[in-house]
Amino acid sequence: MLKKLIVGVSVVISSLLGIFLVAGRGTHEIRSLARATADVTADGVVESISEAVHDRKIDQEMKQVRMDLVDRQVQMNLSARKIEELSGEVTKLERSTDRRKRLLSEAYPILKEAIDGKQEKLTWANQEFTLVAFQKEIDDLLAMQDRETHQLTIKRDGLARLTKSVEEADGGLAEMRRGLDETEQKVALLQTRRQQAEVESQTLDLVHGATANSDSVSASLNKSIDRLKENVGKKEARNEARRNVATVSERATSEVSRAFNRLESLKQIHDATSDGSSKGN
């Protein structure tokens, strides 16, 4: 059926294109006609597809949505792990900068005293340093503190943005899951309603068929009864007509015979009655 439809439409399109080209119509009009015919063909193809195929198409589409949802959830899980890693890095940097800040804070009065006193050596953290070596150690610590402070700022900002994005994405995934669940429920409900409608349609067809058959039988029976009634009437009328048109001899003979039979019957009754009376006296 579908193949015949496509072949038929193709023949029609080819014929129309040939006619338009011979008539000198523009290519724009031909393209418009082709698009319109393609739309009609597509509609016909869709209508000719069985319900089972449409159901499988819906199932495949919902499976695809479910797979996309799973892929997105995988990305969410990876992002969550990245948040954990980044959070650990932030915590580590915070501890490192805090510890170094305390060291630098403690080093300040020692260095100031050494500079003010023009000392060439000093003791810090139970270690003896020359002033130059101590200053170099402090410069390294300050540089490291500055570098890690910048890293901490960057990682904190990145962690905040990533956390916000994951929260928004998680809300979007939850909405997708709810939408998919609602769609699956809607499809199941519509399929159940379609099954019920098909059962009801079959029942109505059965009732209609039984009613139509009953009406047909009743009509046929009434027609037969009317035919029988008509035949009986015709025969009775014919007999009555035949009696009315009987010949004179037939009517006379009939009258004589009835009169004779009448007298004979009365005579028999009279004689029987007379004999009975005589025997009684």
C-alpha atoms as a PDB file:
ATOM      1  CA  MET A   1       0.000   0.000   0.000  1.00  0.00           C
ATOM      2  CA  LEU A   2       2.767   2.412   0.975  1.00  0.00           C
ATOM      3  CA  LYS A   3       4.854   1.473  -2.056  1.00  0.00           C
ATOM      4  CA  LYS A   4       1.907   2.023  -4.380  1.00  0.00           C
ATOM      5  CA  LEU A   5       1.267   5.418  -2.805  1.00  0.00           C
ATOM      6  CA  ILE A   6       4.869   6.562  -3.289  1.00  0.00           C
ATOM      7  CA  VAL A   7       5.007   5.275  -6.863  1.00  0.00           C
ATOM      8  CA  GLY A   8       1.696   6.938  -7.713  1.00  0.00           C
ATOM      9  CA  VAL A   9       2.763  10.279  -6.267  1.00  0.00           C
ATOM     10  CA  SER A  10       6.100  10.077  -8.074  1.00  0.00           C
ATOM     11  CA  VAL A  11       4.334   9.504 -11.389  1.00  0.00           C
ATOM     12  CA  VAL A  12       2.019  12.437 -10.714  1.00  0.00           C
ATOM     13  CA  ILE A  13       4.945  14.708  -9.830  1.00  0.00           C
ATOM     14  CA  SER A  14       6.869  13.701 -12.942  1.00  0.00           C
ATOM     15  CA  SER A  15       3.844  14.300 -15.143  1.00  0.00           C
ATOM     16  CA  LEU A  16       3.119  17.702 -13.630  1.00  0.00           C
ATOM     17  CA  LEU A  17       6.750  18.775 -13.898  1.00  0.00           C
ATOM     18  CA  GLY A  18       6.752  17.817 -17.569  1.00  0.00           C
ATOM     19  CA  ILE A  19       3.575  19.787 -18.199  1.00  0.00           C
ATOM     20  CA  PHE A  20       4.948  22.839 -16.369  1.00  0.00           C
ATOM     21  CA  LEU A  21       8.210  22.747 -18.295  1.00  0.00           C
ATOM     22  CA  VAL A  22       6.411  22.470 -21.637  1.00  0.00           C
ATOM     23  CA  ALA A  23       4.106  25.326 -20.652  1.00  0.00           C
ATOM     24  CA  GLY A  24       7.115  27.488 -19.807  1.00  0.00           C
ATOM     25  CA  ARG A  25       6.249  27.973 -16.155  1.00  0.00           C
ATOM     26  CA  GLY A  26       8.958  29.267 -13.814  1.00  0.00           C
ATOM     27  CA  THR A  27      11.168  27.003 -11.725  1.00  0.00           C
ATOM     28  CA  HIS A  28       9.949  28.731  -8.542  1.00  0.00           C
ATOM     29  CA  GLU A  29       6.398  27.607  -9.213  1.00  0.00           C
ATOM     30  CA  ILE A  30       7.660  24.101  -9.966  1.00  0.00           C
ATOM     31  CA  ARG A  31       9.596  24.005  -6.667  1.00  0.00           C
ATOM     32  CA  SER A  32       6.545  25.226  -4.765  1.00  0.00           C
ATOM     33  CA  LEU A  33       4.455  22.506  -6.352  1.00  0.00           C
ATOM     34  CA  ALA A  34       7.105  19.889  -5.539  1.00  0.00           C
ATOM     35  CA  ARG A  35       7.238  21.005  -1.880  1.00  0.00           C
ATOM     36  CA  ALA A  36       3.454  20.959  -1.580  1.00  0.00           C
ATOM     37  CA  THR A  37       3.284  17.513  -3.153  1.00  0.00           C
ATOM     38  CA  ALA A  38       6.050  16.282  -0.848  1.00  0.00           C
ATOM     39  CA  ASP A  39       4.079  17.520   2.160  1.00  0.00           C
ATOM     40  CA  VAL A  40       1.008  15.645   0.960  1.00  0.00           C
ATOM     41  CA  THR A  41       3.113  12.539   0.335  1.00  0.00           C
ATOM     42  CA  ALA A  42       4.682  12.754   3.788  1.00  0.00           C
ATOM     43  CA  ASP A  43       1.252  13.124   5.379  1.00  0.00           C
ATOM     44  CA  GLY A  44       0.020  10.114   3.453  1.00  0.00           C
ATOM     45  CA  VAL A  45       3.040   8.064   4.473  1.00  0.00           C
ATOM     46  CA  VAL A  46       2.549   8.977   8.146  1.00  0.00           C
ATOM     47  CA  GLU A  47      -1.150   8.109   7.981  1.00  0.00           C
ATOM     48  CA  SER A  48      -0.424   4.754   6.348  1.00  0.00           C
ATOM     49  CA  ILE A  49       1.940   3.652   9.124  1.00  0.00           C
ATOM     50  CA  SER A  50       0.356   1.265  11.612  1.00  0.00           C
ATOM     51  CA  GLU A  51      -0.241   2.110  15.264  1.00  0.00           C
ATOM     52  CA  ALA A  52       2.329  -0.513  16.309  1.00  0.00           C
ATOM     53  CA  VAL A  53       5.023   1.328  14.354  1.00  0.00           C
ATOM     54  CA  HIS A  54       4.031   4.638  15.952  1.00  0.00           C
ATOM     55  CA  ASP A  55       4.178   2.983  19.390  1.00  0.00           C
ATOM     56  CA  ARG A  56       7.661   1.649  18.699  1.00  0.00           C
ATOM     57  CA  LYS A  57       8.703   5.111  17.497  1.00  0.00           C
ATOM     58  CA  ILE A  58       7.467   6.644  20.760  1.00  0.00           C
ATOM     59  CA  ASP A  59       9.297   3.962  22.762  1.00  0.00           C
ATOM     60  CA  GLN A  60      12.524   4.627  20.867  1.00  0.00           C
ATOM     61  CA  GLU A  61      12.199   8.375  21.387  1.00  0.00           C
ATOM     62  CA  MET A  62      11.616   7.957  25.117  1.00  0.00           C
ATOM     63  CA  LYS A  63      14.567   5.541  25.337  1.00  0.00           C
ATOM     64  CA  GLN A  64      16.720   8.136  23.590  1.00  0.00           C
ATOM     65  CA  VAL A  65      15.604  10.796  26.067  1.00  0.00           C
ATOM     66  CA  ARG A  66      16.375   8.397  28.920  1.00  0.00           C
ATOM     67  CA  MET A  67      19.841   7.718  27.487  1.00  0.00           C
ATOM     68  CA  ASP A  68      20.470  11.463  27.151  1.00  0.00           C
ATOM     69  CA  LEU A  69      19.379  11.859  30.753  1.00  0.00           C
ATOM     70  CA  VAL A  70      21.815   9.139  31.818  1.00  0.00           C
ATOM     71  CA  ASP A  71      24.644  10.824  29.887  1.00  0.00           C
ATOM     72  CA  ARG A  72      23.850  14.118  31.566  1.00  0.00           C
ATOM     73  CA  GLN A  73      23.794  12.406  34.942  1.00  0.00           C
ATOM     74  CA  VAL A  74      27.235  10.946  34.218  1.00  0.00           C
ATOM     75  CA  GLN A  75      28.520  14.448  33.499  1.00  0.00           C
ATOM     76  CA  MET A  76      26.911  15.608  36.725  1.00  0.00           C
ATOM     77  CA  ASN A  77      28.683  12.865  38.662  1.00  0.00           C
ATOM     78  CA  LEU A  78      31.991  13.835  37.078  1.00  0.00           C
ATOM     79  CA  SER A  79      31.355  17.462  37.967  1.00  0.00           C
ATOM     80  CA  ALA A  80      30.523  16.444  41.534  1.00  0.00           C
ATOM     81  CA  ARG A  81      33.851  14.600  41.761  1.00  0.00           C
ATOM     82  CA  LYS A  82      35.601  17.657  40.347  1.00  0.00           C
ATOM     83  CA  ILE A  83      33.957  19.735  43.050  1.00  0.00           C
ATOM     84  CA  GLU A  84      35.245  17.340  45.683  1.00  0.00           C
ATOM     85  CA  GLU A  85      38.773  17.519  44.258  1.00  0.00           C
ATOM     86  CA  LEU A  86      38.653  21.292  43.952  1.00  0.00           C
ATOM     87  CA  SER A  87      37.249  21.609  47.429  1.00  0.00           C
ATOM     88  CA  GLY A  88      40.121  19.517  48.746  1.00  0.00           C
ATOM     89  CA  GLU A  89      42.625  21.728  46.943  1.00  0.00           C
ATOM     90  CA  VAL A  90      40.992  24.842  48.379  1.00  0.00           C
ATOM     91  CA  THR A  91      41.103  23.381  51.879  1.00  0.00           C
ATOM     92  CA  LYS A  92      44.766  22.465  51.442  1.00  0.00           C
ATOM     93  CA  LEU A  93      45.652  25.976  50.231  1.00  0.00           C
ATOM     94  CA  GLU A  94      43.696  27.556  53.047  1.00  0.00           C
ATOM     95  CA  ARG A  95      45.610  25.546  55.625  1.00  0.00           C
ATOM     96  CA  SER A  96      48.925  26.279  53.930  1.00  0.00           C
ATOM     97  CA  THR A  97      48.345  30.036  53.681  1.00  0.00           C
ATOM     98  CA  ASP A  98      47.010  30.222  57.211  1.00  0.00           C
ATOM     99  CA  ARG A  99      50.080  28.414  58.599  1.00  0.00           C
ATOM    100  CA  ARG A 100      52.434  30.572  56.555  1.00  0.00           C
ATOM    101  CA  LYS A 101      50.609  33.692  57.617  1.00  0.00           C
ATOM    102  CA  ARG A 102      51.234  32.804  61.247  1.00  0.00           C
ATOM    103  CA  LEU A 103      54.917  32.187  60.531  1.00  0.00           C
ATOM    104  CA  LEU A 104      55.285  35.516  58.751  1.00  0.00           C
ATOM    105  CA  SER A 105      53.424  37.229  61.545  1.00  0.00           C
ATOM    106  CA  GLU A 106      55.855  35.789  64.076  1.00  0.00           C
ATOM    107  CA  ALA A 107      58.841  36.650  61.881  1.00  0.00           C
ATOM    108  CA  TYR A 108      57.957  40.334  61.678  1.00  0.00           C
ATOM    109  CA  PRO A 109      59.059  41.439  65.218  1.00  0.00           C
ATOM    110  CA  ILE A 110      62.187  39.271  65.036  1.00  0.00           C
ATOM    111  CA  LEU A 111      63.279  40.770  61.716  1.00  0.00           C
ATOM    112  CA  LYS A 112      62.408  44.293  62.825  1.00  0.00           C
ATOM    113  CA  GLU A 113      64.410  43.893  66.017  1.00  0.00           C
ATOM    114  CA  ALA A 114      67.376  42.516  64.093  1.00  0.00           C
ATOM    115  CA  ILE A 115      67.281  45.382  61.605  1.00  0.00           C
ATOM    116  CA  ASP A 116      66.796  48.016  64.266  1.00  0.00           C
ATOM    117  CA  GLY A 117      69.627  46.508  66.351  1.00  0.00           C
ATOM    118  CA  LYS A 118      71.847  46.014  63.332  1.00  0.00           C
ATOM    119  CA  GLN A 119      72.256  42.361  64.183  1.00  0.00           C
ATOM    120  CA  GLU A 120      74.010  40.113  61.728  1.00  0.00           C
ATOM    121  CA  LYS A 121      72.528  36.919  63.211  1.00  0.00           C
ATOM    122  CA  LEU A 122      69.232  35.981  64.762  1.00  0.00           C
ATOM    123  CA  THR A 123      67.405  32.926  66.077  1.00  0.00           C
ATOM    124  CA  TRP A 124      63.975  31.911  64.721  1.00  0.00           C
ATOM    125  CA  ALA A 125      62.095  28.672  65.218  1.00  0.00           C
ATOM    126  CA  ASN A 126      65.018  27.319  67.214  1.00  0.00           C
ATOM    127  CA  GLN A 127      67.336  27.885  64.246  1.00  0.00           C
ATOM    128  CA  GLU A 128      70.103  30.419  63.854  1.00  0.00           C
ATOM    129  CA  PHE A 129      70.085  32.498  60.688  1.00  0.00           C
ATOM    130  CA  THR A 130      72.260  35.264  59.372  1.00  0.00           C
ATOM    131  CA  LEU A 131      70.296  38.411  58.675  1.00  0.00           C
ATOM    132  CA  VAL A 132      70.788  38.026  54.926  1.00  0.00           C
ATOM    133  CA  ALA A 133      69.745  34.350  54.959  1.00  0.00           C
ATOM    134  CA  PHE A 134      66.736  35.137  57.135  1.00  0.00           C
ATOM    135  CA  GLN A 135      65.658  37.926  54.828  1.00  0.00           C
ATOM    136  CA  LYS A 136      65.983  35.583  51.841  1.00  0.00           C
ATOM    137  CA  GLU A 137      63.889  32.966  53.681  1.00  0.00           C
ATOM    138  CA  ILE A 138      61.263  35.578  54.427  1.00  0.00           C
ATOM    139  CA  ASP A 139      61.249  36.738  50.773  1.00  0.00           C
ATOM    140  CA  ASP A 140      60.671  33.144  49.622  1.00  0.00           C
ATOM    141  CA  LEU A 141      57.859  32.718  52.105  1.00  0.00           C
ATOM    142  CA  LEU A 142      56.246  35.991  51.043  1.00  0.00           C
ATOM    143  CA  ALA A 143      56.476  35.018  47.362  1.00  0.00           C
ATOM    144  CA  MET A 144      54.986  31.603  48.066  1.00  0.00           C
ATOM    145  CA  GLN A 145      52.290  33.196  50.194  1.00  0.00           C
ATOM    146  CA  ASP A 146      51.414  35.634  47.452  1.00  0.00           C
ATOM    147  CA  ARG A 147      51.319  32.885  44.802  1.00  0.00           C
ATOM    148  CA  GLU A 148      49.157  30.531  46.882  1.00  0.00           C
ATOM    149  CA  THR A 149      46.866  33.382  47.920  1.00  0.00           C
ATOM    150  CA  HIS A 150      46.182  34.100  44.238  1.00  0.00           C
ATOM    151  CA  GLN A 151      45.680  30.387  43.567  1.00  0.00           C
ATOM    152  CA  LEU A 152      43.299  30.181  46.505  1.00  0.00           C
ATOM    153  CA  THR A 153      41.271  33.119  45.190  1.00  0.00           C
ATOM    154  CA  ILE A 154      41.057  31.579  41.718  1.00  0.00           C
ATOM    155  CA  LYS A 155      40.126  28.131  43.013  1.00  0.00           C
ATOM    156  CA  ARG A 156      37.534  29.549  45.404  1.00  0.00           C
ATOM    157  CA  ASP A 157      35.888  31.481  42.583  1.00  0.00           C
ATOM    158  CA  GLY A 158      36.000  28.422  40.318  1.00  0.00           C
ATOM    159  CA  LEU A 159      34.573  26.225  43.066  1.00  0.00           C
ATOM    160  CA  ALA A 160      31.744  28.681  43.677  1.00  0.00           C
ATOM    161  CA  ARG A 161      30.879  28.874  39.967  1.00  0.00           C
ATOM    162  CA  LEU A 162      31.136  25.125  39.499  1.00  0.00           C
ATOM    163  CA  THR A 163      28.987  24.460  42.561  1.00  0.00           C
ATOM    164  CA  LYS A 164      26.343  26.884  41.314  1.00  0.00           C
ATOM    165  CA  SER A 165      26.384  25.331  37.832  1.00  0.00           C
ATOM    166  CA  VAL A 166      26.059  21.824  39.254  1.00  0.00           C
ATOM    167  CA  GLU A 167      23.150  22.898  41.451  1.00  0.00           C
ATOM    168  CA  GLU A 168      21.383  24.464  38.477  1.00  0.00           C
ATOM    169  CA  ALA A 169      22.127  21.444  36.301  1.00  0.00           C
ATOM    170  CA  ASP A 170      20.889  19.124  39.029  1.00  0.00           C
ATOM    171  CA  GLY A 171      17.632  21.064  39.154  1.00  0.00           C
ATOM    172  CA  GLY A 172      17.374  20.831  35.364  1.00  0.00           C
ATOM    173  CA  LEU A 173      17.991  17.076  35.450  1.00  0.00           C
ATOM    174  CA  ALA A 174      15.368  16.656  38.145  1.00  0.00           C
ATOM    175  CA  GLU A 175      12.919  18.561  35.952  1.00  0.00           C
ATOM    176  CA  MET A 176      13.851  16.367  32.968  1.00  0.00           C
ATOM    177  CA  ARG A 177      13.281  13.229  35.044  1.00  0.00           C
ATOM    178  CA  ARG A 178       9.890  14.478  36.180  1.00  0.00           C
ATOM    179  CA  GLY A 179       8.979  15.425  32.614  1.00  0.00           C
ATOM    180  CA  LEU A 180      10.039  12.034  31.294  1.00  0.00           C
ATOM    181  CA  ASP A 181       8.099  10.224  34.020  1.00  0.00           C
ATOM    182  CA  GLU A 182       5.005  12.314  33.254  1.00  0.00           C
ATOM    183  CA  THR A 183       5.424  11.622  29.525  1.00  0.00           C
ATOM    184  CA  GLU A 184       5.727   7.879  30.100  1.00  0.00           C
ATOM    185  CA  GLN A 185       2.619   7.936  32.296  1.00  0.00           C
ATOM    186  CA  LYS A 186       0.752   9.977  29.684  1.00  0.00           C
ATOM    187  CA  VAL A 187       1.744   7.554  26.908  1.00  0.00           C
ATOM    188  CA  ALA A 188       0.708   4.552  28.999  1.00  0.00           C
ATOM    189  CA  LEU A 189      -2.628   6.220  29.818  1.00  0.00           C
ATOM    190  CA  LEU A 190      -3.297   7.098  26.173  1.00  0.00           C
ATOM    191  CA  GLN A 191      -2.429   3.573  25.058  1.00  0.00           C
ATOM    192  CA  THR A 192      -4.804   2.164  27.673  1.00  0.00           C
ATOM    193  CA  ARG A 193      -7.543   4.534  26.532  1.00  0.00           C
ATOM    194  CA  ARG A 194      -6.903   3.513  22.929  1.00  0.00           C
ATOM    195  CA  GLN A 195      -7.238  -0.166  23.851  1.00  0.00           C
ATOM    196  CA  GLN A 196     -10.500   0.562  25.656  1.00  0.00           C
ATOM    197  CA  ALA A 197     -11.738   2.552  22.681  1.00  0.00           C
ATOM    198  CA  GLU A 198     -10.886  -0.335  20.349  1.00  0.00           C
ATOM    199  CA  VAL A 199     -12.759  -2.794  22.585  1.00  0.00           C
ATOM    200  CA  GLU A 200     -15.733  -0.417  22.715  1.00  0.00           C
ATOM    201  CA  SER A 201     -15.609   0.010  18.937  1.00  0.00           C
ATOM    202  CA  GLN A 202     -15.627  -3.757  18.428  1.00  0.00           C
ATOM    203  CA  THR A 203     -18.547  -4.076  20.853  1.00  0.00           C
ATOM    204  CA  LEU A 204     -20.465  -1.342  19.043  1.00  0.00           C
ATOM    205  CA  ASP A 205     -19.752  -3.032  15.723  1.00  0.00           C
ATOM    206  CA  LEU A 206     -21.099  -6.282  17.167  1.00  0.00           C
ATOM    207  CA  VAL A 207     -24.237  -4.585  18.494  1.00  0.00           C
ATOM    208  CA  HIS A 208     -24.747  -2.678  15.257  1.00  0.00           C
ATOM    209  CA  GLY A 209     -24.272  -5.860  13.248  1.00  0.00           C
ATOM    210  CA  ALA A 210     -26.723  -7.774  15.425  1.00  0.00           C
ATOM    211  CA  THR A 211     -29.267  -4.946  15.240  1.00  0.00           C
ATOM    212  CA  ALA A 212     -28.857  -4.577  11.499  1.00  0.00           C
ATOM    213  CA  ASN A 213     -29.205  -8.337  11.039  1.00  0.00           C
ATOM    214  CA  SER A 214     -32.280  -8.382  13.283  1.00  0.00           C
ATOM    215  CA  ASP A 215     -33.822  -5.526  11.350  1.00  0.00           C
ATOM    216  CA  SER A 216     -33.053  -7.325   8.094  1.00  0.00           C
ATOM    217  CA  VAL A 217     -34.617 -10.570   9.348  1.00  0.00           C
ATOM    218  CA  SER A 218     -37.671  -8.723  10.662  1.00  0.00           C
ATOM    219  CA  ALA A 219     -38.076  -6.859   7.389  1.00  0.00           C
ATOM    220  CA  SER A 220     -37.756 -10.091   5.419  1.00  0.00           C
ATOM    221  CA  LEU A 221     -40.254 -11.865   7.717  1.00  0.00           C
ATOM    222  CA  ASN A 222     -42.742  -9.008   7.476  1.00  0.00           C
ATOM    223  CA  LYS A 223     -42.360  -9.042   3.712  1.00  0.00           C
ATOM    224  CA  SER A 224     -43.049 -12.798   3.608  1.00  0.00           C
ATOM    225  CA  ILE A 225     -46.118 -12.389   5.838  1.00  0.00           C
ATOM    226  CA  ASP A 226     -47.405  -9.597   3.640  1.00  0.00           C
ATOM    227  CA  ARG A 227     -46.843 -11.766   0.581  1.00  0.00           C
ATOM    228  CA  LEU A 228     -48.724 -14.689   2.211  1.00  0.00           C
ATOM    229  CA  LYS A 229     -51.557 -12.390   3.253  1.00  0.00           C
ATOM    230  CA  GLU A 230     -51.784 -11.039  -0.272  1.00  0.00           C
ATOM    231  CA  ASN A 231     -51.815 -14.531  -1.767  1.00  0.00           C
ATOM    232  CA  VAL A 232     -54.538 -15.678   0.636  1.00  0.00           C
ATOM    233  CA  GLY A 233     -56.615 -12.628  -0.181  1.00  0.00           C
ATOM    234  CA  LYS A 234     -56.153 -13.197  -3.872  1.00  0.00           C
ATOM    235  CA  LYS A 235     -57.195 -16.863  -3.624  1.00  0.00           C
ATOM    236  CA  GLU A 236     -60.242 -16.057  -1.463  1.00  0.00           C
ATOM    237  CA  ALA A 237     -61.285 -13.307  -3.850  1.00  0.00           C
ATOM    238  CA  ARG A 238     -60.831 -15.649  -6.795  1.00  0.00           C
ATOM    239  CA  ASN A 239     -62.979 -18.330  -5.154  1.00  0.00           C
ATOM    240  CA  GLU A 240     -65.662 -15.777  -4.352  1.00  0.00           C
ATOM    241  CA  ALA A 241     -65.562 -14.568  -7.923  1.00  0.00           C
ATOM    242  CA  ARG A 242     -65.841 -18.097  -9.240  1.00  0.00           C
ATOM    243  CA  ARG A 243     -68.882 -18.720  -7.058  1.00  0.00           C
ATOM    244  CA  ASN A 244     -70.516 -15.550  -8.294  1.00  0.00           C
ATOM    245  CA  VAL A 245     -69.993 -16.407 -11.959  1.00  0.00           C
ATOM    246  CA  ALA A 246     -71.157 -20.068 -11.768  1.00  0.00           C
ATOM    247  CA  THR A 247     -73.527 -21.213 -14.564  1.00  0.00           C
ATOM    248  CA  VAL A 248     -77.331 -21.416 -14.111  1.00  0.00           C
ATOM    249  CA  SER A 249     -77.365 -25.187 -14.388  1.00  0.00           C
ATOM    250  CA  GLU A 250     -74.663 -25.447 -11.705  1.00  0.00           C
ATOM    251  CA  ARG A 251     -76.615 -23.132  -9.388  1.00  0.00           C
ATOM    252  CA  ALA A 252     -79.984 -24.959 -10.126  1.00  0.00           C
ATOM    253  CA  THR A 253     -78.552 -28.387  -9.564  1.00  0.00           C
ATOM    254  CA  SER A 254     -77.037 -27.161  -6.408  1.00  0.00           C
ATOM    255  CA  GLU A 255     -80.325 -25.726  -5.154  1.00  0.00           C
ATOM    256  CA  VAL A 256     -82.277 -28.908  -6.014  1.00  0.00           C
ATOM    257  CA  SER A 257     -79.731 -31.090  -4.336  1.00  0.00           C
ATOM    258  CA  ARG A 258     -79.818 -28.954  -1.191  1.00  0.00           C
ATOM    259  CA  ALA A 259     -83.662 -29.025  -1.105  1.00  0.00           C
ATOM    260  CA  PHE A 260     -83.746 -32.798  -1.536  1.00  0.00           C
ATOM    261  CA  ASN A 261     -81.140 -33.336   1.108  1.00  0.00           C
ATOM    262  CA  ARG A 262     -82.970 -30.982   3.379  1.00  0.00           C
ATOM    263  CA  LEU A 263     -86.252 -32.924   3.066  1.00  0.00           C
ATOM    264  CA  GLU A 264     -84.530 -36.272   3.505  1.00  0.00           C
ATOM    265  CA  SER A 265     -82.816 -35.086   6.680  1.00  0.00           C
ATOM    266  CA  LEU A 266     -86.045 -33.703   8.118  1.00  0.00           C
ATOM    267  CA  LYS A 267     -87.903 -36.915   7.169  1.00  0.00           C
ATOM    268  CA  GLN A 268     -85.364 -39.059   8.970  1.00  0.00           C
ATOM    269  CA  ILE A 269     -85.664 -36.939  12.078  1.00  0.00           C
ATOM    270  CA  HIS A 270     -89.484 -36.992  11.884  1.00  0.00           C
ATOM    271  CA  ASP A 271     -89.714 -40.747  11.389  1.00  0.00           C
ATOM    272  CA  ALA A 272     -87.303 -41.419  14.234  1.00  0.00           C
ATOM    273  CA  THR A 273     -89.329 -39.170  16.522  1.00  0.00           C
ATOM    274  CA  SER A 274     -92.646 -40.763  15.522  1.00  0.00           C
ATOM    275  CA  ASP A 275     -91.358 -44.296  16.163  1.00  0.00           C
ATOM    276  CA  GLY A 276     -90.172 -43.293  19.569  1.00  0.00           C
ATOM    277  CA  SER A 277     -93.508 -41.831  20.542  1.00  0.00           C
ATOM    278  CA  SER A 278     -95.487 -44.921  19.416  1.00  0.00           C
ATOM    279  CA  LYS A 279     -93.326 -47.253  21.451  1.00  0.00           C
ATOM    280  CA  GLY A 280     -93.830 -45.113  24.488  1.00  0.00           C
ATOM    281  CA  ASN A 281     -97.670 -45.395  24.340  1.00  0.00           C
END
